């Protein structure tokens, strides 16, 4: 799983939160998760099966419209 965020402090927060959370899981159940900073508008999403986007409704709608064609 990959987390992608433009805001650098949110990337750092996500990494820190994952480190704290994974310590509660047993070693055999640790999924590989990474977080990186990237601009969603310039990212090629064809490599992913699923994308979940959080943001203002008009921004999400604009992204879906642009990338649907």
PDB file of N, CA and C in Angstrom:
ATOM      1  N   UNK A   1       0.845  -1.172   0.000  1.00  0.00           N
ATOM      2  CA  UNK A   1       0.000   0.000   0.000  1.00  0.00           C
ATOM      3  C   UNK A   1       0.888   1.232   0.000  1.00  0.00           C
ATOM      4  N   UNK A   2       0.410   2.250  -0.669  1.00  0.00           N
ATOM      5  CA  UNK A   2       1.164   3.489  -0.760  1.00  0.00           C
ATOM      6  C   UNK A   2       0.264   4.652  -0.373  1.00  0.00           C
ATOM      7  N   UNK A   3       0.802   5.545   0.414  1.00  0.00           N
ATOM      8  CA  UNK A   3       0.111   6.788   0.723  1.00  0.00           C
ATOM      9  C   UNK A   3       0.816   7.917  -0.002  1.00  0.00           C
ATOM     10  N   UNK A   4       0.066   8.764  -0.659  1.00  0.00           N
ATOM     11  CA  UNK A   4       0.643   9.875  -1.412  1.00  0.00           C
ATOM     12  C   UNK A   4       0.010  11.158  -0.919  1.00  0.00           C
ATOM     13  N   UNK A   5       0.842  12.128  -0.603  1.00  0.00           N
ATOM     14  CA  UNK A   5       0.377  13.396  -0.041  1.00  0.00           C
ATOM     15  C   UNK A   5       1.294  14.502  -0.533  1.00  0.00           C
ATOM     16  N   UNK A   6       0.732  15.646  -0.837  1.00  0.00           N
ATOM     17  CA  UNK A   6       1.514  16.797  -1.274  1.00  0.00           C
ATOM     18  C   UNK A   6       2.121  17.544  -0.089  1.00  0.00           C
ATOM     19  N   UNK A   7       1.413  17.563   1.016  1.00  0.00           N
ATOM     20  CA  UNK A   7       1.815  18.314   2.201  1.00  0.00           C
ATOM     21  C   UNK A   7       2.885  17.537   2.975  1.00  0.00           C
ATOM     22  N   UNK A   8       4.109  18.058   3.001  1.00  0.00           N
ATOM     23  CA  UNK A   8       5.233  17.360   3.631  1.00  0.00           C
ATOM     24  C   UNK A   8       4.986  17.020   5.103  1.00  0.00           C
ATOM     25  N   UNK A   9       4.464  17.947   5.932  1.00  0.00           N
ATOM     26  CA  UNK A   9       4.200  17.579   7.333  1.00  0.00           C
ATOM     27  C   UNK A   9       3.202  16.423   7.476  1.00  0.00           C
ATOM     28  N   UNK A  10       2.238  16.323   6.575  1.00  0.00           N
ATOM     29  CA  UNK A  10       1.296  15.203   6.641  1.00  0.00           C
ATOM     30  C   UNK A  10       1.957  13.879   6.250  1.00  0.00           C
ATOM     31  N   UNK A  11       2.928  13.923   5.353  1.00  0.00           N
ATOM     32  CA  UNK A  11       3.688  12.714   5.019  1.00  0.00           C
ATOM     33  C   UNK A  11       4.468  12.260   6.247  1.00  0.00           C
ATOM     34  N   UNK A  12       5.149  13.201   6.912  1.00  0.00           N
ATOM     35  CA  UNK A  12       5.913  12.860   8.125  1.00  0.00           C
ATOM     36  C   UNK A  12       4.994  12.316   9.205  1.00  0.00           C
ATOM     37  N   UNK A  13       3.826  12.952   9.390  1.00  0.00           N
ATOM     38  CA  UNK A  13       2.871  12.492  10.399  1.00  0.00           C
ATOM     39  C   UNK A  13       2.401  11.068  10.084  1.00  0.00           C
ATOM     40  N   UNK A  14       2.096  10.801   8.827  1.00  0.00           N
ATOM     41  CA  UNK A  14       1.632   9.470   8.430  1.00  0.00           C
ATOM     42  C   UNK A  14       2.696   8.412   8.690  1.00  0.00           C
ATOM     43  N   UNK A  15       3.938   8.736   8.368  1.00  0.00           N
ATOM     44  CA  UNK A  15       5.031   7.790   8.625  1.00  0.00           C
ATOM     45  C   UNK A  15       5.173   7.518  10.119  1.00  0.00           C
ATOM     46  N   UNK A  16       5.138   8.573  10.915  1.00  0.00           N
ATOM     47  CA  UNK A  16       5.263   8.432  12.364  1.00  0.00           C
ATOM     48  C   UNK A  16       4.102   7.622  12.932  1.00  0.00           C
ATOM     49  N   UNK A  17       2.882   7.922  12.490  1.00  0.00           N
ATOM     50  CA  UNK A  17       1.705   7.201  12.982  1.00  0.00           C
ATOM     51  C   UNK A  17       1.793   5.720  12.609  1.00  0.00           C
ATOM     52  N   UNK A  18       2.284   5.406  11.409  1.00  0.00           N
ATOM     53  CA  UNK A  18       2.418   4.009  11.003  1.00  0.00           C
ATOM     54  C   UNK A  18       3.452   3.290  11.872  1.00  0.00           C
ATOM     55  N   UNK A  19       4.571   3.940  12.158  1.00  0.00           N
ATOM     56  CA  UNK A  19       5.595   3.334  13.013  1.00  0.00           C
ATOM     57  C   UNK A  19       5.012   3.007  14.382  1.00  0.00           C
ATOM     58  N   UNK A  20       4.248   3.927  14.936  1.00  0.00           N
ATOM     59  CA  UNK A  20       3.632   3.681  16.247  1.00  0.00           C
ATOM     60  C   UNK A  20       2.590   2.577  16.168  1.00  0.00           C
ATOM     61  N   UNK A  21       1.776   2.565  15.127  1.00  0.00           N
ATOM     62  CA  UNK A  21       0.708   1.573  15.005  1.00  0.00           C
ATOM     63  C   UNK A  21       1.256   0.171  14.747  1.00  0.00           C
ATOM     64  N   UNK A  22       2.277   0.064  13.898  1.00  0.00           N
ATOM     65  CA  UNK A  22       2.778  -1.274  13.548  1.00  0.00           C
ATOM     66  C   UNK A  22       3.400  -1.986  14.734  1.00  0.00           C
ATOM     67  N   UNK A  23       3.809  -1.237  15.760  1.00  0.00           N
ATOM     68  CA  UNK A  23       4.363  -1.884  16.952  1.00  0.00           C
ATOM     69  C   UNK A  23       3.288  -2.657  17.710  1.00  0.00           C
ATOM     70  N   UNK A  24       2.008  -2.407  17.409  1.00  0.00           N
ATOM     71  CA  UNK A  24       0.918  -3.128  18.068  1.00  0.00           C
ATOM     72  C   UNK A  24       0.547  -4.409  17.325  1.00  0.00           C
ATOM     73  N   UNK A  25       1.099  -4.609  16.123  1.00  0.00           N
ATOM     74  CA  UNK A  25       0.781  -5.787  15.309  1.00  0.00           C
ATOM     75  C   UNK A  25       1.818  -6.883  15.526  1.00  0.00           C
ATOM     76  N   UNK A  26       1.424  -8.116  15.316  1.00  0.00           N
ATOM     77  CA  UNK A  26       2.384  -9.213  15.415  1.00  0.00           C
ATOM     78  C   UNK A  26       3.266  -9.202  14.165  1.00  0.00           C
ATOM     79  N   UNK A  27       4.522  -9.623  14.296  1.00  0.00           N
ATOM     80  CA  UNK A  27       5.463  -9.550  13.166  1.00  0.00           C
ATOM     81  C   UNK A  27       4.987 -10.249  11.896  1.00  0.00           C
ATOM     82  N   UNK A  28       4.190 -11.288  12.012  1.00  0.00           N
ATOM     83  CA  UNK A  28       3.721 -11.995  10.827  1.00  0.00           C
ATOM     84  C   UNK A  28       2.597 -11.292  10.090  1.00  0.00           C
ATOM     85  N   UNK A  29       2.078 -10.213  10.641  1.00  0.00           N
ATOM     86  CA  UNK A  29       0.932  -9.521  10.044  1.00  0.00           C
ATOM     87  C   UNK A  29       1.251  -8.074   9.670  1.00  0.00           C
ATOM     88  N   UNK A  30       2.490  -7.791   9.323  1.00  0.00           N
ATOM     89  CA  UNK A  30       2.876  -6.429   8.977  1.00  0.00           C
ATOM     90  C   UNK A  30       2.776  -6.208   7.472  1.00  0.00           C
ATOM     91  N   UNK A  31       1.772  -5.462   7.022  1.00  0.00           N
ATOM     92  CA  UNK A  31       1.703  -5.151   5.591  1.00  0.00           C
ATOM     93  C   UNK A  31       2.793  -4.148   5.224  1.00  0.00           C
ATOM     94  N   UNK A  32       3.228  -4.173   3.980  1.00  0.00           N
ATOM     95  CA  UNK A  32       4.226  -3.207   3.518  1.00  0.00           C
ATOM     96  C   UNK A  32       3.487  -1.934   3.126  1.00  0.00           C
ATOM     97  N   UNK A  33       3.736  -0.892   3.872  1.00  0.00           N
ATOM     98  CA  UNK A  33       3.078   0.389   3.635  1.00  0.00           C
ATOM     99  C   UNK A  33       4.146   1.458   3.509  1.00  0.00           C
ATOM    100  N   UNK A  34       3.974   2.338   2.535  1.00  0.00           N
ATOM    101  CA  UNK A  34       4.910   3.447   2.368  1.00  0.00           C
ATOM    102  C   UNK A  34       4.134   4.736   2.130  1.00  0.00           C
ATOM    103  N   UNK A  35       4.758   5.827   2.474  1.00  0.00           N
ATOM    104  CA  UNK A  35       4.173   7.153   2.285  1.00  0.00           C
ATOM    105  C   UNK A  35       5.193   8.003   1.551  1.00  0.00           C
ATOM    106  N   UNK A  36       4.724   8.741   0.573  1.00  0.00           N
ATOM    107  CA  UNK A  36       5.644   9.623  -0.143  1.00  0.00           C
ATOM    108  C   UNK A  36       4.951  10.918  -0.520  1.00  0.00           C
ATOM    109  N   UNK A  37       5.779  11.907  -0.773  1.00  0.00           N
ATOM    110  CA  UNK A  37       5.274  13.217  -1.164  1.00  0.00           C
ATOM    111  C   UNK A  37       5.221  13.263  -2.688  1.00  0.00           C
ATOM    112  N   UNK A  38       4.052  13.613  -3.221  1.00  0.00           N
ATOM    113  CA  UNK A  38       3.888  13.716  -4.671  1.00  0.00           C
ATOM    114  C   UNK A  38       2.676  14.584  -4.972  1.00  0.00           C
ATOM    115  N   UNK A  39       2.654  15.122  -6.163  1.00  0.00           N
ATOM    116  CA  UNK A  39       1.530  15.925  -6.629  1.00  0.00           C
ATOM    117  C   UNK A  39       0.555  14.995  -7.347  1.00  0.00           C
ATOM    118  N   UNK A  40      -0.616  14.813  -6.787  1.00  0.00           N
ATOM    119  CA  UNK A  40      -1.604  13.878  -7.337  1.00  0.00           C
ATOM    120  C   UNK A  40      -1.993  14.251  -8.772  1.00  0.00           C
ATOM    121  N   UNK A  41      -1.898  15.527  -9.116  1.00  0.00           N
ATOM    122  CA  UNK A  41      -2.262  15.978 -10.461  1.00  0.00           C
ATOM    123  C   UNK A  41      -1.234  15.548 -11.501  1.00  0.00           C
ATOM    124  N   UNK A  42      -0.013  15.246 -11.055  1.00  0.00           N
ATOM    125  CA  UNK A  42       1.046  14.846 -11.986  1.00  0.00           C
ATOM    126  C   UNK A  42       1.414  13.371 -11.865  1.00  0.00           C
ATOM    127  N   UNK A  43       0.742  12.665 -11.000  1.00  0.00           N
ATOM    128  CA  UNK A  43       1.066  11.270 -10.732  1.00  0.00           C
ATOM    129  C   UNK A  43       0.320  10.346 -11.686  1.00  0.00           C
ATOM    130  N   UNK A  44       0.996   9.349 -12.194  1.00  0.00           N
ATOM    131  CA  UNK A  44       0.378   8.350 -13.063  1.00  0.00           C
ATOM    132  C   UNK A  44      -0.282   7.287 -12.191  1.00  0.00           C
ATOM    133  N   UNK A  45      -1.605   7.240 -12.203  1.00  0.00           N
ATOM    134  CA  UNK A  45      -2.340   6.308 -11.354  1.00  0.00           C
ATOM    135  C   UNK A  45      -2.645   4.984 -12.048  1.00  0.00           C
ATOM    136  N   UNK A  46      -2.229   4.814 -13.280  1.00  0.00           N
ATOM    137  CA  UNK A  46      -2.512   3.576 -14.011  1.00  0.00           C
ATOM    138  C   UNK A  46      -1.850   2.363 -13.361  1.00  0.00           C
ATOM    139  N   UNK A  47      -0.816   2.588 -12.564  1.00  0.00           N
ATOM    140  CA  UNK A  47      -0.116   1.485 -11.901  1.00  0.00           C
ATOM    141  C   UNK A  47      -0.865   0.952 -10.689  1.00  0.00           C
ATOM    142  N   UNK A  48      -1.923   1.634 -10.273  1.00  0.00           N
ATOM    143  CA  UNK A  48      -2.646   1.267  -9.058  1.00  0.00           C
ATOM    144  C   UNK A  48      -4.008   0.675  -9.400  1.00  0.00           C
ATOM    145  N   UNK A  49      -4.441  -0.286  -8.598  1.00  0.00           N
ATOM    146  CA  UNK A  49      -5.768  -0.878  -8.766  1.00  0.00           C
ATOM    147  C   UNK A  49      -6.855   0.007  -8.176  1.00  0.00           C
ATOM    148  N   UNK A  50      -6.542   0.679  -7.072  1.00  0.00           N
ATOM    149  CA  UNK A  50      -7.523   1.489  -6.353  1.00  0.00           C
ATOM    150  C   UNK A  50      -6.883   2.796  -5.928  1.00  0.00           C
ATOM    151  N   UNK A  51      -7.641   3.870  -6.011  1.00  0.00           N
ATOM    152  CA  UNK A  51      -7.180   5.168  -5.522  1.00  0.00           C
ATOM    153  C   UNK A  51      -8.294   5.782  -4.689  1.00  0.00           C
ATOM    154  N   UNK A  52      -7.947   6.248  -3.515  1.00  0.00           N
ATOM    155  CA  UNK A  52      -8.890   6.939  -2.643  1.00  0.00           C
ATOM    156  C   UNK A  52      -8.372   8.355  -2.494  1.00  0.00           C
ATOM    157  N   UNK A  53      -9.231   9.315  -2.770  1.00  0.00           N
ATOM    158  CA  UNK A  53      -8.809  10.710  -2.754  1.00  0.00           C
ATOM    159  C   UNK A  53      -9.664  11.488  -1.776  1.00  0.00           C
ATOM    160  N   UNK A  54      -9.003  12.203  -0.892  1.00  0.00           N
ATOM    161  CA  UNK A  54      -9.692  13.051   0.070  1.00  0.00           C
ATOM    162  C   UNK A  54      -9.443  14.500  -0.317  1.00  0.00           C
ATOM    163  N   UNK A  55     -10.475  15.294  -0.250  1.00  0.00           N
ATOM    164  CA  UNK A  55     -10.321  16.702  -0.569  1.00  0.00           C
ATOM    165  C   UNK A  55     -11.672  17.333  -0.806  1.00  0.00           C
ATOM    166  N   UNK A  56     -11.634  18.566  -1.253  1.00  0.00           N
ATOM    167  CA  UNK A  56     -12.869  19.273  -1.561  1.00  0.00           C
ATOM    168  C   UNK A  56     -13.575  18.556  -2.712  1.00  0.00           C
ATOM    169  N   UNK A  57     -14.883  18.511  -2.645  1.00  0.00           N
ATOM    170  CA  UNK A  57     -15.660  17.766  -3.641  1.00  0.00           C
ATOM    171  C   UNK A  57     -15.371  18.240  -5.064  1.00  0.00           C
ATOM    172  N   UNK A  58     -15.258  19.544  -5.272  1.00  0.00           N
ATOM    173  CA  UNK A  58     -15.006  20.041  -6.627  1.00  0.00           C
ATOM    174  C   UNK A  58     -13.619  19.633  -7.126  1.00  0.00           C
ATOM    175  N   UNK A  59     -12.647  19.510  -6.234  1.00  0.00           N
ATOM    176  CA  UNK A  59     -11.310  19.070  -6.628  1.00  0.00           C
ATOM    177  C   UNK A  59     -11.331  17.604  -7.037  1.00  0.00           C
ATOM    178  N   UNK A  60     -11.978  16.777  -6.243  1.00  0.00           N
ATOM    179  CA  UNK A  60     -12.062  15.350  -6.550  1.00  0.00           C
ATOM    180  C   UNK A  60     -12.830  15.140  -7.851  1.00  0.00           C
ATOM    181  N   UNK A  61     -13.938  15.845  -8.032  1.00  0.00           N
ATOM    182  CA  UNK A  61     -14.722  15.729  -9.267  1.00  0.00           C
ATOM    183  C   UNK A  61     -13.905  16.151 -10.475  1.00  0.00           C
ATOM    184  N   UNK A  62     -13.128  17.211 -10.336  1.00  0.00           N
ATOM    185  CA  UNK A  62     -12.289  17.680 -11.440  1.00  0.00           C
ATOM    186  C   UNK A  62     -11.248  16.629 -11.796  1.00  0.00           C
ATOM    187  N   UNK A  63     -10.673  15.982 -10.796  1.00  0.00           N
ATOM    188  CA  UNK A  63      -9.667  14.951 -11.060  1.00  0.00           C
ATOM    189  C   UNK A  63     -10.281  13.764 -11.802  1.00  0.00           C
ATOM    190  N   UNK A  64     -11.425  13.318 -11.352  1.00  0.00           N
ATOM    191  CA  UNK A  64     -12.095  12.180 -11.994  1.00  0.00           C
ATOM    192  C   UNK A  64     -12.456  12.527 -13.430  1.00  0.00           C
ATOM    193  N   UNK A  65     -12.957  13.731 -13.671  1.00  0.00           N
ATOM    194  CA  UNK A  65     -13.342  14.163 -15.013  1.00  0.00           C
ATOM    195  C   UNK A  65     -12.136  14.218 -15.938  1.00  0.00           C
ATOM    196  N   UNK A  66     -11.041  14.791 -15.478  1.00  0.00           N
ATOM    197  CA  UNK A  66      -9.840  14.926 -16.298  1.00  0.00           C
ATOM    198  C   UNK A  66      -9.266  13.565 -16.650  1.00  0.00           C
ATOM    199  N   UNK A  67      -9.260  12.645 -15.709  1.00  0.00           N
ATOM    200  CA  UNK A  67      -8.613  11.353 -15.918  1.00  0.00           C
ATOM    201  C   UNK A  67      -9.536  10.263 -16.439  1.00  0.00           C
ATOM    202  N   UNK A  68     -10.797  10.556 -16.626  1.00  0.00           N
ATOM    203  CA  UNK A  68     -11.737   9.554 -17.133  1.00  0.00           C
ATOM    204  C   UNK A  68     -11.557   9.317 -18.624  1.00  0.00           C
ATOM    205  N   UNK A  69     -11.078  10.318 -19.319  1.00  0.00           N
ATOM    206  CA  UNK A  69     -10.947  10.175 -20.778  1.00  0.00           C
ATOM    207  C   UNK A  69      -9.584   9.691 -21.199  1.00  0.00           C
TER     208      UNK A  69
END
